[in-house]
N, C-alpha and C. Protein backbone atom coordinates (compact mmCIF):
# COMPACT_ATOMS: atom_id res chain seq x y z
N MET A 1 0.86 -1.17 0.00
CA MET A 1 0.00 0.00 0.00
C MET A 1 0.91 1.23 0.00
N PRO A 2 0.62 2.20 -0.86
CA PRO A 2 1.44 3.41 -0.86
C PRO A 2 1.36 4.10 0.49
N SER A 3 2.43 4.74 0.87
CA SER A 3 2.46 5.38 2.19
C SER A 3 1.39 6.45 2.33
N SER A 4 1.02 7.15 1.25
CA SER A 4 0.01 8.20 1.36
C SER A 4 -1.34 7.62 1.78
N ALA A 5 -1.71 6.46 1.25
CA ALA A 5 -2.97 5.83 1.64
C ALA A 5 -2.88 5.30 3.07
N ARG A 6 -1.74 4.73 3.42
CA ARG A 6 -1.54 4.19 4.76
C ARG A 6 -1.56 5.32 5.78
N ASP A 7 -0.90 6.44 5.46
CA ASP A 7 -0.81 7.55 6.40
C ASP A 7 -2.12 8.30 6.56
N SER A 8 -2.99 8.25 5.55
CA SER A 8 -4.23 9.01 5.62
C SER A 8 -5.30 8.31 6.43
N GLY A 9 -5.08 7.04 6.79
CA GLY A 9 -6.09 6.29 7.53
C GLY A 9 -7.23 5.82 6.66
N LYS A 10 -7.17 6.03 5.33
CA LYS A 10 -8.22 5.59 4.43
C LYS A 10 -8.05 4.10 4.15
N PRO A 11 -9.16 3.40 3.93
CA PRO A 11 -9.03 1.98 3.61
C PRO A 11 -8.31 1.80 2.27
N ASP A 12 -7.70 0.67 2.14
CA ASP A 12 -7.00 0.36 0.90
C ASP A 12 -8.03 0.23 -0.22
N ILE A 13 -7.85 0.98 -1.27
CA ILE A 13 -8.75 0.93 -2.43
C ILE A 13 -7.92 0.65 -3.67
N PRO A 14 -8.54 0.18 -4.73
CA PRO A 14 -7.76 -0.07 -5.96
C PRO A 14 -7.10 1.21 -6.46
N HIS A 15 -5.90 1.08 -6.94
CA HIS A 15 -5.14 2.24 -7.41
C HIS A 15 -5.11 2.32 -8.92
N ASN A 16 -5.70 1.35 -9.59
CA ASN A 16 -5.65 1.34 -11.04
C ASN A 16 -7.02 1.63 -11.66
N LEU A 17 -7.84 2.41 -10.97
CA LEU A 17 -9.16 2.73 -11.50
C LEU A 17 -9.04 3.67 -12.69
N LYS A 18 -9.89 3.41 -13.70
CA LYS A 18 -9.93 4.23 -14.90
C LYS A 18 -11.38 4.59 -15.20
N PRO A 19 -11.59 5.73 -15.83
CA PRO A 19 -12.96 6.08 -16.20
C PRO A 19 -13.41 5.32 -17.45
N TYR A 20 -14.61 4.80 -17.38
CA TYR A 20 -15.25 4.12 -18.50
C TYR A 20 -16.71 4.57 -18.53
N PHE A 21 -17.44 4.06 -19.48
CA PHE A 21 -18.88 4.27 -19.55
C PHE A 21 -19.54 2.90 -19.59
N LEU A 22 -20.54 2.71 -18.76
CA LEU A 22 -21.31 1.48 -18.72
C LEU A 22 -22.56 1.69 -19.55
N CYS A 23 -22.76 0.86 -20.54
CA CYS A 23 -23.95 0.93 -21.39
C CYS A 23 -24.85 -0.24 -21.04
N LEU A 24 -26.07 0.07 -20.66
CA LEU A 24 -27.08 -0.95 -20.37
C LEU A 24 -28.10 -0.93 -21.49
N LEU A 25 -28.32 -2.07 -22.11
CA LEU A 25 -29.29 -2.17 -23.20
C LEU A 25 -30.56 -2.83 -22.69
N ARG A 26 -31.68 -2.21 -23.02
CA ARG A 26 -32.99 -2.73 -22.63
C ARG A 26 -33.82 -2.97 -23.88
N ARG A 27 -34.89 -3.73 -23.72
CA ARG A 27 -35.80 -3.99 -24.82
C ARG A 27 -36.42 -2.68 -25.29
N GLY A 28 -36.38 -2.47 -26.60
CA GLY A 28 -36.99 -1.28 -27.18
C GLY A 28 -38.41 -1.57 -27.65
N GLU A 29 -39.07 -0.55 -28.17
CA GLU A 29 -40.46 -0.70 -28.60
C GLU A 29 -40.63 -1.69 -29.74
N ARG A 30 -39.60 -1.94 -30.51
CA ARG A 30 -39.67 -2.90 -31.63
C ARG A 30 -38.98 -4.23 -31.29
N TRP A 31 -38.81 -4.52 -30.01
CA TRP A 31 -38.10 -5.71 -29.57
C TRP A 31 -38.55 -6.97 -30.30
N ASN A 32 -39.84 -7.17 -30.44
CA ASN A 32 -40.37 -8.40 -31.05
C ASN A 32 -40.65 -8.29 -32.54
N VAL A 33 -40.33 -7.17 -33.17
CA VAL A 33 -40.59 -6.99 -34.60
C VAL A 33 -39.42 -7.58 -35.38
N THR A 34 -39.69 -8.62 -36.15
CA THR A 34 -38.63 -9.25 -36.94
C THR A 34 -38.83 -9.04 -38.44
N GLU A 35 -40.06 -8.94 -38.88
CA GLU A 35 -40.34 -8.77 -40.31
C GLU A 35 -39.73 -7.47 -40.81
N GLY A 36 -38.94 -7.58 -41.87
CA GLY A 36 -38.26 -6.42 -42.42
C GLY A 36 -36.91 -6.13 -41.77
N TYR A 37 -36.56 -6.89 -40.74
CA TYR A 37 -35.30 -6.68 -40.02
C TYR A 37 -34.43 -7.94 -40.05
N GLU A 38 -34.52 -8.70 -41.11
CA GLU A 38 -33.77 -9.96 -41.19
C GLU A 38 -32.25 -9.74 -41.12
N ASP A 39 -31.78 -8.60 -41.55
CA ASP A 39 -30.34 -8.32 -41.54
C ASP A 39 -29.87 -7.65 -40.26
N LEU A 40 -30.77 -7.41 -39.32
CA LEU A 40 -30.41 -6.66 -38.12
C LEU A 40 -29.35 -7.38 -37.28
N MET A 41 -29.51 -8.65 -37.03
CA MET A 41 -28.54 -9.36 -36.18
C MET A 41 -27.15 -9.38 -36.80
N PRO A 42 -26.99 -9.71 -38.09
CA PRO A 42 -25.64 -9.62 -38.67
C PRO A 42 -25.07 -8.20 -38.62
N GLU A 43 -25.90 -7.18 -38.82
CA GLU A 43 -25.43 -5.79 -38.74
C GLU A 43 -25.00 -5.45 -37.32
N TYR A 44 -25.78 -5.90 -36.35
CA TYR A 44 -25.45 -5.64 -34.94
C TYR A 44 -24.14 -6.33 -34.56
N LEU A 45 -23.97 -7.58 -34.97
CA LEU A 45 -22.74 -8.30 -34.65
C LEU A 45 -21.53 -7.68 -35.34
N ALA A 46 -21.70 -7.19 -36.57
CA ALA A 46 -20.61 -6.51 -37.27
C ALA A 46 -20.23 -5.22 -36.55
N TYR A 47 -21.23 -4.48 -36.07
CA TYR A 47 -20.99 -3.27 -35.28
C TYR A 47 -20.18 -3.62 -34.02
N LEU A 48 -20.62 -4.63 -33.29
CA LEU A 48 -19.90 -5.03 -32.08
C LEU A 48 -18.46 -5.41 -32.39
N ARG A 49 -18.27 -6.21 -33.42
CA ARG A 49 -16.92 -6.65 -33.77
C ARG A 49 -16.04 -5.44 -34.11
N ARG A 50 -16.55 -4.56 -34.94
CA ARG A 50 -15.77 -3.38 -35.36
C ARG A 50 -15.38 -2.52 -34.16
N GLU A 51 -16.32 -2.26 -33.27
CA GLU A 51 -16.06 -1.39 -32.13
C GLU A 51 -15.18 -2.07 -31.08
N MET A 52 -15.30 -3.38 -30.95
CA MET A 52 -14.43 -4.10 -30.01
C MET A 52 -13.01 -4.19 -30.56
N GLU A 53 -12.87 -4.41 -31.84
CA GLU A 53 -11.53 -4.45 -32.43
C GLU A 53 -10.84 -3.09 -32.33
N ALA A 54 -11.62 -2.01 -32.38
CA ALA A 54 -11.08 -0.66 -32.25
C ALA A 54 -10.88 -0.27 -30.79
N ARG A 55 -11.32 -1.13 -29.86
CA ARG A 55 -11.22 -0.92 -28.41
C ARG A 55 -12.06 0.25 -27.91
N ARG A 56 -13.08 0.63 -28.69
CA ARG A 56 -14.03 1.63 -28.18
C ARG A 56 -15.03 0.92 -27.26
N ILE A 57 -15.41 -0.29 -27.61
CA ILE A 57 -16.16 -1.16 -26.70
C ILE A 57 -15.15 -2.17 -26.19
N VAL A 58 -14.92 -2.18 -24.89
CA VAL A 58 -13.90 -3.04 -24.29
C VAL A 58 -14.43 -4.45 -24.12
N LEU A 59 -15.66 -4.55 -23.66
CA LEU A 59 -16.30 -5.86 -23.52
C LEU A 59 -17.81 -5.67 -23.56
N ALA A 60 -18.50 -6.71 -23.96
CA ALA A 60 -19.96 -6.64 -24.06
C ALA A 60 -20.51 -8.05 -23.99
N GLY A 61 -21.74 -8.16 -23.52
CA GLY A 61 -22.37 -9.47 -23.48
C GLY A 61 -23.82 -9.37 -23.06
N PRO A 62 -24.54 -10.46 -23.30
CA PRO A 62 -25.97 -10.48 -22.97
C PRO A 62 -26.21 -10.67 -21.47
N VAL A 63 -27.36 -10.20 -21.03
CA VAL A 63 -27.88 -10.48 -19.69
C VAL A 63 -28.92 -11.57 -19.92
N THR A 64 -28.81 -12.67 -19.21
CA THR A 64 -29.56 -13.88 -19.58
C THR A 64 -30.73 -14.24 -18.68
N ASP A 65 -31.20 -13.31 -17.85
CA ASP A 65 -32.32 -13.67 -16.97
C ASP A 65 -33.69 -13.40 -17.59
N GLU A 66 -33.73 -13.04 -18.86
CA GLU A 66 -34.96 -12.83 -19.62
C GLU A 66 -35.79 -11.66 -19.11
N GLY A 67 -35.16 -10.73 -18.43
CA GLY A 67 -35.85 -9.53 -17.98
C GLY A 67 -35.75 -8.43 -19.03
N ASP A 68 -36.07 -7.22 -18.63
CA ASP A 68 -36.04 -6.07 -19.52
C ASP A 68 -34.61 -5.69 -19.93
N LEU A 69 -33.65 -5.91 -19.03
CA LEU A 69 -32.24 -5.63 -19.31
C LEU A 69 -31.70 -6.79 -20.14
N ILE A 70 -31.19 -6.47 -21.35
CA ILE A 70 -30.80 -7.55 -22.27
C ILE A 70 -29.30 -7.67 -22.49
N ALA A 71 -28.55 -6.58 -22.25
CA ALA A 71 -27.10 -6.65 -22.47
C ALA A 71 -26.42 -5.50 -21.74
N ALA A 72 -25.11 -5.65 -21.59
CA ALA A 72 -24.30 -4.61 -20.98
C ALA A 72 -22.97 -4.53 -21.74
N ALA A 73 -22.40 -3.33 -21.76
CA ALA A 73 -21.11 -3.13 -22.42
C ALA A 73 -20.31 -2.10 -21.64
N VAL A 74 -19.01 -2.22 -21.72
CA VAL A 74 -18.10 -1.23 -21.14
C VAL A 74 -17.44 -0.51 -22.31
N ILE A 75 -17.56 0.81 -22.29
CA ILE A 75 -17.08 1.66 -23.38
C ILE A 75 -15.92 2.50 -22.88
N GLU A 76 -14.90 2.62 -23.72
CA GLU A 76 -13.77 3.48 -23.38
C GLU A 76 -13.73 4.64 -24.37
N MET A 77 -14.24 5.77 -23.93
CA MET A 77 -14.25 7.00 -24.73
C MET A 77 -13.86 8.14 -23.79
N ALA A 78 -13.49 9.28 -24.36
CA ALA A 78 -13.04 10.41 -23.54
C ALA A 78 -14.18 11.14 -22.86
N THR A 79 -15.34 11.21 -23.51
CA THR A 79 -16.44 12.00 -22.97
C THR A 79 -17.76 11.25 -23.07
N MET A 80 -18.73 11.70 -22.28
CA MET A 80 -20.08 11.15 -22.35
C MET A 80 -20.66 11.37 -23.74
N GLN A 81 -20.43 12.51 -24.33
CA GLN A 81 -20.94 12.81 -25.67
C GLN A 81 -20.41 11.80 -26.68
N GLU A 82 -19.12 11.47 -26.62
CA GLU A 82 -18.54 10.49 -27.53
C GLU A 82 -19.12 9.10 -27.28
N ALA A 83 -19.30 8.74 -26.00
CA ALA A 83 -19.87 7.43 -25.68
C ALA A 83 -21.30 7.33 -26.20
N ARG A 84 -22.09 8.37 -26.01
CA ARG A 84 -23.47 8.35 -26.51
C ARG A 84 -23.52 8.30 -28.03
N ALA A 85 -22.60 8.99 -28.69
CA ALA A 85 -22.55 8.95 -30.16
C ALA A 85 -22.23 7.54 -30.64
N LEU A 86 -21.29 6.88 -29.97
CA LEU A 86 -20.96 5.50 -30.32
C LEU A 86 -22.17 4.59 -30.16
N VAL A 87 -22.87 4.71 -29.06
CA VAL A 87 -24.05 3.89 -28.79
C VAL A 87 -25.14 4.17 -29.82
N ALA A 88 -25.28 5.42 -30.22
CA ALA A 88 -26.31 5.79 -31.19
C ALA A 88 -26.08 5.14 -32.56
N GLU A 89 -24.85 4.71 -32.82
CA GLU A 89 -24.55 4.04 -34.10
C GLU A 89 -24.93 2.56 -34.09
N ASN A 90 -25.30 2.03 -32.95
CA ASN A 90 -25.71 0.62 -32.85
C ASN A 90 -26.95 0.42 -33.72
N PRO A 91 -26.90 -0.51 -34.69
CA PRO A 91 -28.04 -0.72 -35.57
C PRO A 91 -29.32 -1.08 -34.83
N ALA A 92 -29.23 -1.78 -33.71
CA ALA A 92 -30.42 -2.17 -32.96
C ALA A 92 -31.00 -0.99 -32.18
N ILE A 93 -30.18 0.01 -31.87
CA ILE A 93 -30.68 1.25 -31.27
C ILE A 93 -31.40 2.05 -32.36
N LYS A 94 -30.75 2.17 -33.51
CA LYS A 94 -31.33 2.92 -34.62
C LYS A 94 -32.70 2.37 -35.03
N SER A 95 -32.85 1.04 -34.98
CA SER A 95 -34.09 0.40 -35.42
C SER A 95 -35.19 0.43 -34.35
N GLY A 96 -34.84 0.78 -33.12
CA GLY A 96 -35.81 0.79 -32.04
C GLY A 96 -35.97 -0.54 -31.33
N HIS A 97 -35.12 -1.53 -31.65
CA HIS A 97 -35.17 -2.83 -30.98
C HIS A 97 -34.56 -2.77 -29.59
N PHE A 98 -33.55 -1.92 -29.42
CA PHE A 98 -32.88 -1.72 -28.14
C PHE A 98 -33.02 -0.26 -27.73
N VAL A 99 -33.00 -0.02 -26.43
CA VAL A 99 -32.90 1.31 -25.85
C VAL A 99 -31.69 1.28 -24.93
N ALA A 100 -30.89 2.33 -24.95
CA ALA A 100 -29.65 2.33 -24.18
C ALA A 100 -29.65 3.37 -23.08
N GLU A 101 -29.00 3.01 -21.98
CA GLU A 101 -28.63 3.94 -20.91
C GLU A 101 -27.11 3.95 -20.88
N VAL A 102 -26.53 5.11 -20.73
CA VAL A 102 -25.07 5.22 -20.63
C VAL A 102 -24.75 5.94 -19.32
N HIS A 103 -23.86 5.31 -18.54
CA HIS A 103 -23.49 5.84 -17.23
C HIS A 103 -21.98 5.90 -17.10
N PRO A 104 -21.44 7.02 -16.60
CA PRO A 104 -20.00 7.05 -16.32
C PRO A 104 -19.70 6.16 -15.12
N CYS A 105 -18.56 5.52 -15.14
CA CYS A 105 -18.17 4.67 -14.01
C CYS A 105 -16.65 4.58 -13.94
N TYR A 106 -16.17 4.06 -12.83
CA TYR A 106 -14.75 3.76 -12.67
C TYR A 106 -14.63 2.27 -12.44
N LEU A 107 -13.72 1.66 -13.17
CA LEU A 107 -13.44 0.23 -13.04
C LEU A 107 -11.93 0.04 -12.99
N PRO A 108 -11.47 -1.07 -12.46
CA PRO A 108 -10.05 -1.36 -12.58
C PRO A 108 -9.67 -1.31 -14.06
N GLY A 109 -8.48 -0.84 -14.36
CA GLY A 109 -8.02 -0.74 -15.74
C GLY A 109 -8.22 -2.04 -16.50
N LEU A 110 -8.86 -1.96 -17.65
CA LEU A 110 -9.16 -3.14 -18.46
C LEU A 110 -8.24 -3.24 -19.67
N ASP A 111 -7.10 -2.59 -19.63
CA ASP A 111 -6.18 -2.57 -20.77
C ASP A 111 -5.74 -3.97 -21.18
N GLY A 112 -5.65 -4.89 -20.24
CA GLY A 112 -5.21 -6.25 -20.55
C GLY A 112 -6.32 -7.17 -21.03
N VAL A 113 -7.56 -6.69 -20.99
CA VAL A 113 -8.69 -7.53 -21.41
C VAL A 113 -8.75 -7.55 -22.93
N ARG A 114 -8.77 -8.73 -23.51
CA ARG A 114 -8.86 -8.90 -24.95
C ARG A 114 -9.97 -9.88 -25.25
N VAL A 115 -10.95 -9.39 -25.98
CA VAL A 115 -12.07 -10.24 -26.39
C VAL A 115 -11.81 -10.72 -27.80
N GLU A 116 -11.81 -12.03 -28.00
CA GLU A 116 -11.62 -12.57 -29.34
C GLU A 116 -12.97 -12.74 -29.98
N TYR A 117 -13.11 -12.17 -31.15
CA TYR A 117 -14.37 -12.20 -31.86
C TYR A 117 -14.29 -13.14 -33.02
């Protein structure tokens, strides 16, 4: 533990915290509409792959309890505006199948996390 934390009497906390944005995806108004959207899933997966390979989305995955919350992602961008712009490019957001919430957060540095797509 660094002496400054020890000397201050504060509990030991992680020292490698970095700012990220947490994106929570929920069912949108068109969640169950499939007709006319046959290409949506391949477009969505291509978006995820592109953004993960560029490290703008660090990790993402589904929430599997069949509730309103369907997925979560961790985004690495400089500002909330940039994070929201990235999320707005999601084809499933554009189509109304998903609705997104974006929240700033601090997590241990995820620089070593590599998702293979």
